[in-house]
Structures are given as structure tokens and as C-alpha cells.
Amino acid sequence: MVQSVLLATIVAVLIGILVHRSPLGSSIATAVASAILTVPSFALLGLLIPILGLGVAPTITALVLYALLPILRNTIIGLSSVDPAVTDAARGVGMNRLRILTAIELPLAWPAVLAGMRVSTQLIMGILAIAAYAKGPGLGNLIFSGLARLGSPNAVPQALVGTVLIVVLALVLDGIYVLIGRLTTSRGIRD
């Protein structure tokens, strides 16, 4: 799950860097990511299984696709909100475009990107449970196993344990994001 968010972050940030200066490019990238998000998770997994088989590959691919929109949108917003006076000043002291991007724009956009990562993580936690349908990893296996044995005395508790563990994991990951934000965001930007 974490690797899915990291992969989605790399892809979304790269796309965001490429399109944030173009309103048309930003709109197209956001529309494509939005369209992907509207595909039901069972349907997407059903489309990916014949191509990638069962197991980890379709699960990771589906999670990456679902995680793209919040990160992409926040990257575009974060990069677009950098004050042009700051980038003009950097250009004035001799920084090239790549240096301005890496030293000024991305650090200033980082809180927005991190917020997108937090939203994406919470979004795909529920989808991860459904990944058990594709024989993927995760706590969804507990839920599906419990539901498959409905009527037996341990069925509901087993499904409930899987559900509660997913919620606890989501809360723990959100706390980790808050900590990462505190450790990686400049105090001047945070305050």
C-alpha cells in the first residue's frame, strides 16, 4: 500500500511539473485522473486481471491509478501558488529553471503534495480491502474470508477484525504523514 502511494506520488508530481504552467494541460491531466477514479474498483480489477494476472501486480496498479488524482491536483495547485516574485528573484540571482524548481517551487509546494498523499492513502485504504478479490495482499482477505463463512460463529468477528485493523492502519498512516510534514516542512512555511 505504501509503495502504491510512493509510485503514485512520483508519477503525479512528474505530470504536475509538466502541466502546471498550462491551463489546458492541467485540465486534461486532471480530467484523465478523475475519469480513472470513476471506474468502480471491482471493474478496474476485473480489467487488470486478464492483463496482469492475479496477485500483487493488479492490486498495485489499481491502487496507483486510484491514488493519482489527489496528489496530481494538489501538486498542480501547490506549484501554481508559488509567488511569481519569488521565482523572478531566483532567476535574478542566476538560478536556472531546474534549480528554481528543485530549490524553490517544489519545497514551497511540498505541504500541498503531502496533503494529496494523505488523501490518497485514506482513499485507497478501502480499495485495498477489495484487492483480496484479485488475490492481492492485505487485510481484505480477513474480511472476505469471514464473509465467505457467513453463518458460522466466527464469520462476523473475523470480518470485523479485518475492518477494524484497516481503520487502525489508516489512522496510524495518517499520523505518520503528520509527523513527516512536521519534519520535512520548513518552519516558515508551516507557521
N, C-alpha and C. Protein backbone atom coordinates (compact mmCIF):
# COMPACT_ATOMS: atom_id res chain seq x y z
N MET A 1 0.83 -1.18 0.00
CA MET A 1 0.00 0.00 0.00
C MET A 1 0.87 1.24 0.00
N VAL A 2 1.86 1.29 0.84
CA VAL A 2 2.75 2.45 0.89
C VAL A 2 3.49 2.61 -0.43
N GLN A 3 3.93 1.48 -1.02
CA GLN A 3 4.62 1.57 -2.30
C GLN A 3 3.69 2.11 -3.38
N SER A 4 2.41 1.84 -3.30
CA SER A 4 1.46 2.37 -4.27
C SER A 4 1.38 3.89 -4.18
N VAL A 5 1.33 4.40 -2.96
CA VAL A 5 1.28 5.85 -2.78
C VAL A 5 2.59 6.49 -3.25
N LEU A 6 3.72 5.85 -2.97
CA LEU A 6 5.00 6.40 -3.42
C LEU A 6 5.09 6.42 -4.95
N LEU A 7 4.67 5.33 -5.59
CA LEU A 7 4.67 5.29 -7.05
C LEU A 7 3.72 6.35 -7.63
N ALA A 8 2.52 6.45 -7.04
CA ALA A 8 1.56 7.45 -7.50
C ALA A 8 2.09 8.86 -7.30
N THR A 9 2.83 9.08 -6.21
CA THR A 9 3.40 10.40 -5.95
C THR A 9 4.44 10.75 -7.01
N ILE A 10 5.30 9.81 -7.34
CA ILE A 10 6.32 10.06 -8.37
C ILE A 10 5.65 10.41 -9.69
N VAL A 11 4.69 9.60 -10.10
CA VAL A 11 4.01 9.83 -11.37
C VAL A 11 3.24 11.15 -11.35
N ALA A 12 2.47 11.39 -10.29
CA ALA A 12 1.64 12.59 -10.22
C ALA A 12 2.48 13.86 -10.14
N VAL A 13 3.56 13.84 -9.38
CA VAL A 13 4.41 15.03 -9.28
C VAL A 13 5.09 15.32 -10.62
N LEU A 14 5.56 14.28 -11.29
CA LEU A 14 6.17 14.49 -12.61
C LEU A 14 5.16 15.08 -13.59
N ILE A 15 3.96 14.53 -13.62
CA ILE A 15 2.92 15.07 -14.50
C ILE A 15 2.58 16.50 -14.09
N GLY A 16 2.45 16.72 -12.79
CA GLY A 16 2.13 18.07 -12.29
C GLY A 16 3.18 19.09 -12.69
N ILE A 17 4.46 18.70 -12.62
CA ILE A 17 5.55 19.59 -13.03
C ILE A 17 5.42 19.93 -14.51
N LEU A 18 5.09 18.92 -15.31
CA LEU A 18 4.98 19.13 -16.76
C LEU A 18 3.80 20.01 -17.15
N VAL A 19 2.69 19.95 -16.43
CA VAL A 19 1.47 20.63 -16.88
C VAL A 19 1.07 21.85 -16.06
N HIS A 20 1.69 22.12 -14.94
CA HIS A 20 1.16 23.17 -14.06
C HIS A 20 1.17 24.56 -14.66
N ARG A 21 1.99 24.83 -15.64
CA ARG A 21 2.03 26.15 -16.28
C ARG A 21 1.02 26.28 -17.40
N SER A 22 0.41 25.18 -17.79
CA SER A 22 -0.54 25.19 -18.90
C SER A 22 -1.94 24.89 -18.38
N PRO A 23 -2.86 25.85 -18.47
CA PRO A 23 -4.24 25.58 -18.02
C PRO A 23 -4.87 24.40 -18.78
N LEU A 24 -4.60 24.30 -20.08
CA LEU A 24 -5.15 23.20 -20.87
C LEU A 24 -4.54 21.87 -20.42
N GLY A 25 -3.21 21.83 -20.27
CA GLY A 25 -2.54 20.62 -19.82
C GLY A 25 -3.00 20.19 -18.44
N SER A 26 -3.15 21.15 -17.54
CA SER A 26 -3.63 20.86 -16.18
C SER A 26 -5.04 20.28 -16.22
N SER A 27 -5.89 20.87 -17.05
CA SER A 27 -7.27 20.39 -17.16
C SER A 27 -7.33 18.98 -17.72
N ILE A 28 -6.54 18.71 -18.75
CA ILE A 28 -6.54 17.38 -19.36
C ILE A 28 -6.02 16.33 -18.37
N ALA A 29 -4.89 16.64 -17.71
CA ALA A 29 -4.32 15.69 -16.75
C ALA A 29 -5.28 15.41 -15.60
N THR A 30 -5.92 16.46 -15.10
CA THR A 30 -6.88 16.29 -14.00
C THR A 30 -8.10 15.51 -14.47
N ALA A 31 -8.57 15.79 -15.69
CA ALA A 31 -9.75 15.08 -16.21
C ALA A 31 -9.47 13.59 -16.39
N VAL A 32 -8.28 13.25 -16.89
CA VAL A 32 -7.93 11.84 -17.08
C VAL A 32 -7.85 11.13 -15.72
N ALA A 33 -7.19 11.77 -14.75
CA ALA A 33 -7.09 11.17 -13.41
C ALA A 33 -8.47 11.05 -12.77
N SER A 34 -9.33 12.02 -13.01
CA SER A 34 -10.70 11.96 -12.47
C SER A 34 -11.49 10.83 -13.11
N ALA A 35 -11.29 10.65 -14.41
CA ALA A 35 -12.00 9.58 -15.11
C ALA A 35 -11.58 8.21 -14.57
N ILE A 36 -10.32 8.05 -14.28
CA ILE A 36 -9.83 6.78 -13.72
C ILE A 36 -10.50 6.52 -12.38
N LEU A 37 -10.65 7.58 -11.59
CA LEU A 37 -11.23 7.43 -10.25
C LEU A 37 -12.70 7.05 -10.30
N THR A 38 -13.38 7.32 -11.42
CA THR A 38 -14.81 6.99 -11.50
C THR A 38 -15.06 5.52 -11.84
N VAL A 39 -14.02 4.80 -12.27
CA VAL A 39 -14.18 3.37 -12.59
C VAL A 39 -14.31 2.60 -11.28
N PRO A 40 -15.37 1.83 -11.12
CA PRO A 40 -15.51 1.04 -9.87
C PRO A 40 -14.32 0.10 -9.67
N SER A 41 -13.92 -0.08 -8.43
CA SER A 41 -12.73 -0.86 -8.14
C SER A 41 -12.84 -2.31 -8.60
N PHE A 42 -14.01 -2.93 -8.44
CA PHE A 42 -14.18 -4.30 -8.94
C PHE A 42 -13.99 -4.35 -10.45
N ALA A 43 -14.52 -3.35 -11.14
CA ALA A 43 -14.40 -3.32 -12.60
C ALA A 43 -12.95 -3.13 -13.02
N LEU A 44 -12.24 -2.22 -12.35
CA LEU A 44 -10.84 -2.00 -12.71
C LEU A 44 -10.01 -3.25 -12.45
N LEU A 45 -10.22 -3.88 -11.31
CA LEU A 45 -9.50 -5.13 -11.03
C LEU A 45 -9.87 -6.19 -12.06
N GLY A 46 -11.14 -6.23 -12.44
CA GLY A 46 -11.58 -7.19 -13.46
C GLY A 46 -10.91 -6.94 -14.80
N LEU A 47 -10.64 -5.67 -15.12
CA LEU A 47 -9.94 -5.35 -16.36
C LEU A 47 -8.45 -5.66 -16.28
N LEU A 48 -7.87 -5.50 -15.10
CA LEU A 48 -6.43 -5.70 -14.93
C LEU A 48 -6.04 -7.17 -14.79
N ILE A 49 -6.91 -7.99 -14.25
CA ILE A 49 -6.57 -9.40 -14.01
C ILE A 49 -6.20 -10.13 -15.31
N PRO A 50 -6.96 -9.99 -16.40
CA PRO A 50 -6.55 -10.70 -17.63
C PRO A 50 -5.19 -10.23 -18.17
N ILE A 51 -4.84 -8.98 -17.89
CA ILE A 51 -3.57 -8.42 -18.39
C ILE A 51 -2.41 -8.77 -17.46
N LEU A 52 -2.61 -8.57 -16.15
CA LEU A 52 -1.52 -8.72 -15.19
C LEU A 52 -1.60 -10.00 -14.35
N GLY A 53 -2.68 -10.73 -14.45
CA GLY A 53 -2.84 -11.94 -13.65
C GLY A 53 -3.35 -11.60 -12.26
N LEU A 54 -3.38 -12.60 -11.41
CA LEU A 54 -3.82 -12.41 -10.02
C LEU A 54 -2.63 -12.04 -9.15
N GLY A 55 -2.91 -11.47 -8.00
CA GLY A 55 -1.86 -11.20 -7.02
C GLY A 55 -1.52 -9.74 -6.86
N VAL A 56 -0.25 -9.48 -6.68
CA VAL A 56 0.22 -8.14 -6.32
C VAL A 56 0.13 -7.16 -7.49
N ALA A 57 0.47 -7.58 -8.70
CA ALA A 57 0.55 -6.66 -9.84
C ALA A 57 -0.76 -5.91 -10.12
N PRO A 58 -1.91 -6.57 -10.24
CA PRO A 58 -3.13 -5.80 -10.48
C PRO A 58 -3.53 -4.93 -9.29
N THR A 59 -3.21 -5.41 -8.09
CA THR A 59 -3.54 -4.64 -6.89
C THR A 59 -2.74 -3.34 -6.86
N ILE A 60 -1.44 -3.41 -7.04
CA ILE A 60 -0.60 -2.22 -7.01
C ILE A 60 -0.99 -1.27 -8.14
N THR A 61 -1.22 -1.81 -9.32
CA THR A 61 -1.60 -0.96 -10.46
C THR A 61 -2.90 -0.23 -10.18
N ALA A 62 -3.90 -0.93 -9.67
CA ALA A 62 -5.18 -0.29 -9.36
C ALA A 62 -5.01 0.78 -8.28
N LEU A 63 -4.25 0.48 -7.24
CA LEU A 63 -4.06 1.45 -6.16
C LEU A 63 -3.32 2.69 -6.66
N VAL A 64 -2.32 2.50 -7.51
CA VAL A 64 -1.59 3.66 -8.06
C VAL A 64 -2.53 4.52 -8.89
N LEU A 65 -3.33 3.89 -9.72
CA LEU A 65 -4.27 4.65 -10.56
C LEU A 65 -5.27 5.43 -9.71
N TYR A 66 -5.79 4.80 -8.67
CA TYR A 66 -6.76 5.49 -7.81
C TYR A 66 -6.11 6.61 -6.97
N ALA A 67 -4.84 6.47 -6.66
CA ALA A 67 -4.16 7.46 -5.82
C ALA A 67 -3.71 8.70 -6.59
N LEU A 68 -3.74 8.66 -7.90
CA LEU A 68 -3.18 9.76 -8.70
C LEU A 68 -3.89 11.10 -8.52
N LEU A 69 -5.21 11.13 -8.57
CA LEU A 69 -5.94 12.40 -8.63
C LEU A 69 -5.63 13.36 -7.49
N PRO A 70 -5.76 12.96 -6.22
CA PRO A 70 -5.49 13.94 -5.16
C PRO A 70 -4.06 14.48 -5.18
N ILE A 71 -3.11 13.61 -5.48
CA ILE A 71 -1.70 14.05 -5.49
C ILE A 71 -1.45 14.96 -6.68
N LEU A 72 -1.95 14.59 -7.84
CA LEU A 72 -1.79 15.41 -9.05
C LEU A 72 -2.43 16.77 -8.87
N ARG A 73 -3.65 16.78 -8.40
CA ARG A 73 -4.38 18.06 -8.22
C ARG A 73 -3.64 18.95 -7.22
N ASN A 74 -3.20 18.39 -6.11
CA ASN A 74 -2.51 19.20 -5.11
C ASN A 74 -1.14 19.66 -5.61
N THR A 75 -0.47 18.85 -6.41
CA THR A 75 0.81 19.26 -6.98
C THR A 75 0.61 20.46 -7.90
N ILE A 76 -0.38 20.39 -8.76
CA ILE A 76 -0.66 21.50 -9.67
C ILE A 76 -1.01 22.76 -8.88
N ILE A 77 -1.85 22.61 -7.88
CA ILE A 77 -2.23 23.77 -7.06
C ILE A 77 -1.03 24.32 -6.31
N GLY A 78 -0.23 23.43 -5.70
CA GLY A 78 0.94 23.87 -4.94
C GLY A 78 1.95 24.59 -5.81
N LEU A 79 2.25 24.05 -6.99
CA LEU A 79 3.23 24.69 -7.87
C LEU A 79 2.68 25.99 -8.46
N SER A 80 1.40 26.03 -8.75
CA SER A 80 0.79 27.23 -9.32
C SER A 80 0.68 28.36 -8.30
N SER A 81 0.66 28.00 -7.02
CA SER A 81 0.50 29.03 -5.99
C SER A 81 1.82 29.65 -5.54
N VAL A 82 2.94 29.19 -6.10
CA VAL A 82 4.22 29.81 -5.75
C VAL A 82 4.23 31.23 -6.31
N ASP A 83 4.55 32.19 -5.48
CA ASP A 83 4.54 33.60 -5.85
C ASP A 83 5.54 33.85 -6.99
N PRO A 84 5.07 34.42 -8.10
CA PRO A 84 5.97 34.69 -9.22
C PRO A 84 7.13 35.61 -8.85
N ALA A 85 6.94 36.45 -7.85
CA ALA A 85 8.03 37.34 -7.41
C ALA A 85 9.20 36.54 -6.86
N VAL A 86 8.89 35.41 -6.22
CA VAL A 86 9.95 34.57 -5.66
C VAL A 86 10.75 33.93 -6.78
N THR A 87 10.07 33.41 -7.80
CA THR A 87 10.79 32.79 -8.91
C THR A 87 11.54 33.83 -9.74
N ASP A 88 10.98 35.04 -9.86
CA ASP A 88 11.69 36.12 -10.56
C ASP A 88 12.96 36.50 -9.83
N ALA A 89 12.88 36.56 -8.50
CA ALA A 89 14.07 36.88 -7.70
C ALA A 89 15.13 35.79 -7.86
N ALA A 90 14.70 34.53 -7.88
CA ALA A 90 15.65 33.43 -8.06
C ALA A 90 16.30 33.51 -9.44
N ARG A 91 15.51 33.83 -10.45
CA ARG A 91 16.06 33.99 -11.79
C ARG A 91 17.04 35.16 -11.82
N GLY A 92 16.72 36.19 -11.06
CA GLY A 92 17.58 37.39 -10.98
C GLY A 92 18.94 37.11 -10.36
N VAL A 93 19.01 36.14 -9.45
CA VAL A 93 20.31 35.81 -8.85
C VAL A 93 21.02 34.72 -9.62
N GLY A 94 20.49 34.36 -10.79
CA GLY A 94 21.21 33.44 -11.66
C GLY A 94 20.81 31.99 -11.61
N MET A 95 19.70 31.65 -10.94
CA MET A 95 19.26 30.26 -10.89
C MET A 95 18.64 29.87 -12.23
N ASN A 96 18.95 28.65 -12.67
CA ASN A 96 18.32 28.16 -13.90
C ASN A 96 16.97 27.54 -13.56
N ARG A 97 16.22 27.16 -14.57
CA ARG A 97 14.85 26.64 -14.39
C ARG A 97 14.81 25.40 -13.49
N LEU A 98 15.74 24.47 -13.68
CA LEU A 98 15.77 23.25 -12.87
C LEU A 98 16.08 23.58 -11.41
N ARG A 99 17.00 24.47 -11.19
CA ARG A 99 17.37 24.87 -9.81
C ARG A 99 16.20 25.57 -9.12
N ILE A 100 15.50 26.41 -9.86
CA ILE A 100 14.32 27.09 -9.28
C ILE A 100 13.27 26.07 -8.90
N LEU A 101 13.06 25.08 -9.77
CA LEU A 101 12.07 24.04 -9.50
C LEU A 101 12.43 23.23 -8.25
N THR A 102 13.69 22.78 -8.19
CA THR A 102 14.08 21.90 -7.08
C THR A 102 14.34 22.63 -5.78
N ALA A 103 14.83 23.86 -5.85
CA ALA A 103 15.20 24.57 -4.62
C ALA A 103 14.09 25.48 -4.09
N ILE A 104 13.17 25.89 -4.95
CA ILE A 104 12.16 26.85 -4.51
C ILE A 104 10.74 26.33 -4.69
N GLU A 105 10.38 25.98 -5.93
CA GLU A 105 8.98 25.64 -6.20
C GLU A 105 8.54 24.35 -5.51
N LEU A 106 9.32 23.28 -5.65
CA LEU A 106 8.91 22.01 -5.01
C LEU A 106 8.88 22.09 -3.48
N PRO A 107 9.88 22.73 -2.84
CA PRO A 107 9.76 22.85 -1.37
C PRO A 107 8.54 23.67 -0.93
N LEU A 108 8.20 24.71 -1.71
CA LEU A 108 7.02 25.50 -1.35
C LEU A 108 5.72 24.74 -1.63
N ALA A 109 5.74 23.86 -2.62
CA ALA A 109 4.55 23.07 -2.95
C ALA A 109 4.44 21.80 -2.09
N TRP A 110 5.51 21.44 -1.39
CA TRP A 110 5.55 20.19 -0.63
C TRP A 110 4.37 20.00 0.32
N PRO A 111 3.95 21.01 1.11
CA PRO A 111 2.80 20.77 2.00
C PRO A 111 1.53 20.37 1.23
N ALA A 112 1.32 20.95 0.06
CA ALA A 112 0.15 20.59 -0.75
C ALA A 112 0.29 19.16 -1.28
N VAL A 113 1.49 18.80 -1.73
CA VAL A 113 1.74 17.44 -2.24
C VAL A 113 1.52 16.43 -1.11
N LEU A 114 2.03 16.73 0.06
CA LEU A 114 1.86 15.83 1.21
C LEU A 114 0.39 15.68 1.58
N ALA A 115 -0.36 16.77 1.51
CA ALA A 115 -1.81 16.69 1.78
C ALA A 115 -2.48 15.77 0.76
N GLY A 116 -2.06 15.85 -0.50
CA GLY A 116 -2.59 14.95 -1.52
C GLY A 116 -2.25 13.50 -1.22
N MET A 117 -1.04 13.27 -0.72
CA MET A 117 -0.63 11.91 -0.35
C MET A 117 -1.50 11.38 0.79
N ARG A 118 -1.80 12.24 1.75
CA ARG A 118 -2.65 11.82 2.88
C ARG A 118 -4.03 11.43 2.39
N VAL A 119 -4.60 12.27 1.52
CA VAL A 119 -5.94 11.97 1.00
C VAL A 119 -5.91 10.68 0.19
N SER A 120 -4.90 10.52 -0.65
CA SER A 120 -4.79 9.31 -1.47
C SER A 120 -4.67 8.06 -0.61
N THR A 121 -3.90 8.15 0.46
CA THR A 121 -3.72 6.99 1.34
C THR A 121 -5.06 6.59 1.96
N GLN A 122 -5.80 7.56 2.46
CA GLN A 122 -7.09 7.25 3.07
C GLN A 122 -8.05 6.70 2.01
N LEU A 123 -7.99 7.25 0.81
CA LEU A 123 -8.86 6.81 -0.28
C LEU A 123 -8.61 5.35 -0.65
N ILE A 124 -7.35 4.97 -0.76
CA ILE A 124 -7.07 3.62 -1.23
C ILE A 124 -7.10 2.57 -0.12
N MET A 125 -7.25 2.99 1.11
CA MET A 125 -7.35 2.00 2.20
C MET A 125 -8.58 1.11 1.99
N GLY A 126 -9.70 1.71 1.62
CA GLY A 126 -10.90 0.92 1.38
C GLY A 126 -10.78 0.06 0.14
N ILE A 127 -10.13 0.61 -0.87
CA ILE A 127 -9.95 -0.14 -2.11
C ILE A 127 -9.00 -1.31 -1.89
N LEU A 128 -8.04 -1.13 -1.00
CA LEU A 128 -7.09 -2.20 -0.69
C LEU A 128 -7.81 -3.43 -0.14
N ALA A 129 -8.88 -3.20 0.63
CA ALA A 129 -9.64 -4.33 1.16
C ALA A 129 -10.27 -5.13 0.03
N ILE A 130 -10.70 -4.45 -1.02
CA ILE A 130 -11.34 -5.12 -2.16
C ILE A 130 -10.30 -5.89 -2.99
N ALA A 131 -9.03 -5.53 -2.83
CA ALA A 131 -7.96 -6.19 -3.61
C ALA A 131 -7.87 -7.68 -3.31
N ALA A 132 -8.44 -8.12 -2.23
CA ALA A 132 -8.45 -9.56 -1.92
C ALA A 132 -9.19 -10.32 -3.02
N TYR A 133 -10.10 -9.64 -3.70
CA TYR A 133 -10.82 -10.24 -4.83
C TYR A 133 -9.85 -10.70 -5.91
N ALA A 134 -8.74 -9.95 -6.09
CA ALA A 134 -7.74 -10.29 -7.11
C ALA A 134 -6.60 -11.10 -6.50
N LYS A 135 -6.84 -11.71 -5.36
CA LYS A 135 -5.81 -12.47 -4.63
C LYS A 135 -4.63 -11.59 -4.24
N GLY A 136 -4.94 -10.30 -4.04
CA GLY A 136 -3.90 -9.36 -3.64
C GLY A 136 -3.64 -9.44 -2.15
N PRO A 137 -2.57 -8.80 -1.71
CA PRO A 137 -2.25 -8.80 -0.29
C PRO A 137 -3.15 -7.84 0.48
N GLY A 138 -3.19 -8.01 1.76
CA GLY A 138 -3.91 -7.05 2.58
C GLY A 138 -4.89 -7.67 3.53
N LEU A 139 -5.46 -6.79 4.33
CA LEU A 139 -6.40 -7.22 5.37
C LEU A 139 -7.77 -7.56 4.80
N GLY A 140 -7.99 -7.25 3.54
CA GLY A 140 -9.26 -7.61 2.91
C GLY A 140 -9.48 -9.10 2.88
N ASN A 141 -8.39 -9.86 2.92
CA ASN A 141 -8.51 -11.32 2.95
C ASN A 141 -9.26 -11.78 4.19
N LEU A 142 -9.03 -11.10 5.32
CA LEU A 142 -9.77 -11.44 6.55
C LEU A 142 -11.25 -11.17 6.37
N ILE A 143 -11.57 -10.03 5.76
CA ILE A 143 -12.97 -9.65 5.56
C ILE A 143 -13.66 -10.65 4.63
N PHE A 144 -13.03 -10.91 3.48
CA PHE A 144 -13.64 -11.84 2.52
C PHE A 144 -13.76 -13.24 3.10
N SER A 145 -12.76 -13.66 3.86
CA SER A 145 -12.80 -14.98 4.47
C SER A 145 -13.96 -15.08 5.46
N GLY A 146 -14.13 -14.03 6.25
CA GLY A 146 -15.24 -14.01 7.21
C GLY A 146 -16.58 -14.00 6.52
N LEU A 147 -16.70 -13.19 5.46
CA LEU A 147 -17.97 -13.12 4.74
C LEU A 147 -18.28 -14.42 4.00
N ALA A 148 -17.25 -15.12 3.54
CA ALA A 148 -17.46 -16.39 2.85
C ALA A 148 -18.00 -17.46 3.79
N ARG A 149 -17.73 -17.32 5.08
CA ARG A 149 -18.18 -18.32 6.06
C ARG A 149 -19.38 -17.81 6.86
N LEU A 150 -20.10 -16.86 6.29
CA LEU A 150 -21.25 -16.29 6.98
C LEU A 150 -22.18 -17.40 7.47
N GLY A 151 -22.62 -17.28 8.68
CA GLY A 151 -23.45 -18.32 9.29
C GLY A 151 -22.69 -19.10 10.35
N SER A 152 -21.35 -19.15 10.21
CA SER A 152 -20.55 -19.83 11.24
C SER A 152 -20.31 -18.82 12.38
N PRO A 153 -20.00 -19.32 13.57
CA PRO A 153 -19.86 -18.43 14.73
C PRO A 153 -18.71 -17.42 14.61
N ASN A 154 -17.66 -17.73 13.88
CA ASN A 154 -16.51 -16.83 13.80
C ASN A 154 -16.53 -15.91 12.59
N ALA A 155 -17.53 -16.02 11.73
CA ALA A 155 -17.54 -15.27 10.48
C ALA A 155 -17.58 -13.76 10.70
N VAL A 156 -18.55 -13.30 11.45
CA VAL A 156 -18.71 -11.86 11.66
C VAL A 156 -17.53 -11.29 12.44
N PRO A 157 -17.08 -11.92 13.54
CA PRO A 157 -15.91 -11.38 14.23
C PRO A 157 -14.67 -11.30 13.33
N GLN A 158 -14.49 -12.27 12.46
CA GLN A 158 -13.33 -12.25 11.58
C GLN A 158 -13.43 -11.08 10.60
N ALA A 159 -14.59 -10.86 10.01
CA ALA A 159 -14.78 -9.74 9.10
C ALA A 159 -14.62 -8.41 9.85
N LEU A 160 -15.11 -8.37 11.08
CA LEU A 160 -14.99 -7.15 11.89
C LEU A 160 -13.53 -6.86 12.24
N VAL A 161 -12.76 -7.90 12.56
CA VAL A 161 -11.33 -7.72 12.88
C VAL A 161 -10.61 -7.12 11.68
N GLY A 162 -10.87 -7.65 10.49
CA GLY A 162 -10.25 -7.10 9.28
C GLY A 162 -10.60 -5.64 9.08
N THR A 163 -11.87 -5.30 9.28
CA THR A 163 -12.33 -3.91 9.12
C THR A 163 -11.68 -2.99 10.13
N VAL A 164 -11.66 -3.39 11.39
CA VAL A 164 -11.06 -2.55 12.45
C VAL A 164 -9.57 -2.37 12.20
N LEU A 165 -8.89 -3.43 11.79
CA LEU A 165 -7.46 -3.31 11.51
C LEU A 165 -7.18 -2.35 10.36
N ILE A 166 -8.04 -2.33 9.36
CA ILE A 166 -7.87 -1.37 8.25
C ILE A 166 -8.04 0.05 8.76
N VAL A 167 -9.02 0.28 9.61
CA VAL A 167 -9.23 1.62 10.17
C VAL A 167 -8.04 2.04 11.02
N VAL A 168 -7.55 1.13 11.86
CA VAL A 168 -6.39 1.44 12.71
C VAL A 168 -5.16 1.74 11.85
N LEU A 169 -4.94 0.94 10.81
CA LEU A 169 -3.81 1.19 9.91
C LEU A 169 -3.94 2.54 9.22
N ALA A 170 -5.16 2.90 8.81
CA ALA A 170 -5.37 4.20 8.17
C ALA A 170 -5.03 5.34 9.13
N LEU A 171 -5.43 5.21 10.39
CA LEU A 171 -5.13 6.24 11.38
C LEU A 171 -3.64 6.33 11.68
N VAL A 172 -2.97 5.19 11.76
CA VAL A 172 -1.52 5.17 12.01
C VAL A 172 -0.79 5.84 10.84
N LEU A 173 -1.17 5.49 9.62
CA LEU A 173 -0.52 6.09 8.45
C LEU A 173 -0.76 7.59 8.39
N ASP A 174 -1.96 8.03 8.76
CA ASP A 174 -2.24 9.46 8.77
C ASP A 174 -1.36 10.17 9.79
N GLY A 175 -1.17 9.55 10.94
CA GLY A 175 -0.28 10.12 11.96
C GLY A 175 1.16 10.19 11.46
N ILE A 176 1.58 9.18 10.71
CA ILE A 176 2.94 9.20 10.14
C ILE A 176 3.08 10.36 9.15
N TYR A 177 2.03 10.60 8.34
CA TYR A 177 2.08 11.73 7.41
C TYR A 177 2.20 13.06 8.14
N VAL A 178 1.47 13.20 9.24
CA VAL A 178 1.56 14.43 10.03
C VAL A 178 3.00 14.61 10.53
N LEU A 179 3.59 13.54 11.03
CA LEU A 179 4.97 13.59 11.51
C LEU A 179 5.94 13.93 10.38
N ILE A 180 5.77 13.30 9.22
CA ILE A 180 6.63 13.60 8.06
C ILE A 180 6.50 15.07 7.68
N GLY A 181 5.27 15.59 7.70
CA GLY A 181 5.06 17.00 7.39
C GLY A 181 5.79 17.91 8.36
N ARG A 182 5.74 17.57 9.63
CA ARG A 182 6.43 18.37 10.64
C ARG A 182 7.94 18.35 10.46
N LEU A 183 8.46 17.18 10.07
CA LEU A 183 9.91 17.03 9.94
C LEU A 183 10.46 17.56 8.62
N THR A 184 9.63 17.61 7.58
CA THR A 184 10.15 17.98 6.26
C THR A 184 9.69 19.34 5.75
N THR A 185 8.80 19.98 6.45
CA THR A 185 8.32 21.29 6.01
C THR A 185 9.03 22.37 6.81
N SER A 186 9.56 23.34 6.10
CA SER A 186 10.24 24.45 6.73
C SER A 186 9.30 25.15 7.72
N ARG A 187 9.84 25.58 8.84
CA ARG A 187 9.03 26.23 9.85
C ARG A 187 8.36 27.49 9.32
N GLY A 188 9.02 28.19 8.42
CA GLY A 188 8.44 29.40 7.84
C GLY A 188 7.21 29.11 7.01
N ILE A 189 7.18 27.96 6.36
CA ILE A 189 6.02 27.58 5.56
C ILE A 189 4.90 27.05 6.45
N ARG A 190 5.28 26.31 7.50
CA ARG A 190 4.29 25.72 8.41
C ARG A 190 3.53 26.76 9.20
N ASP A 191 4.22 27.77 9.66
CA ASP A 191 3.59 28.76 10.55
C ASP A 191 2.85 29.85 9.83
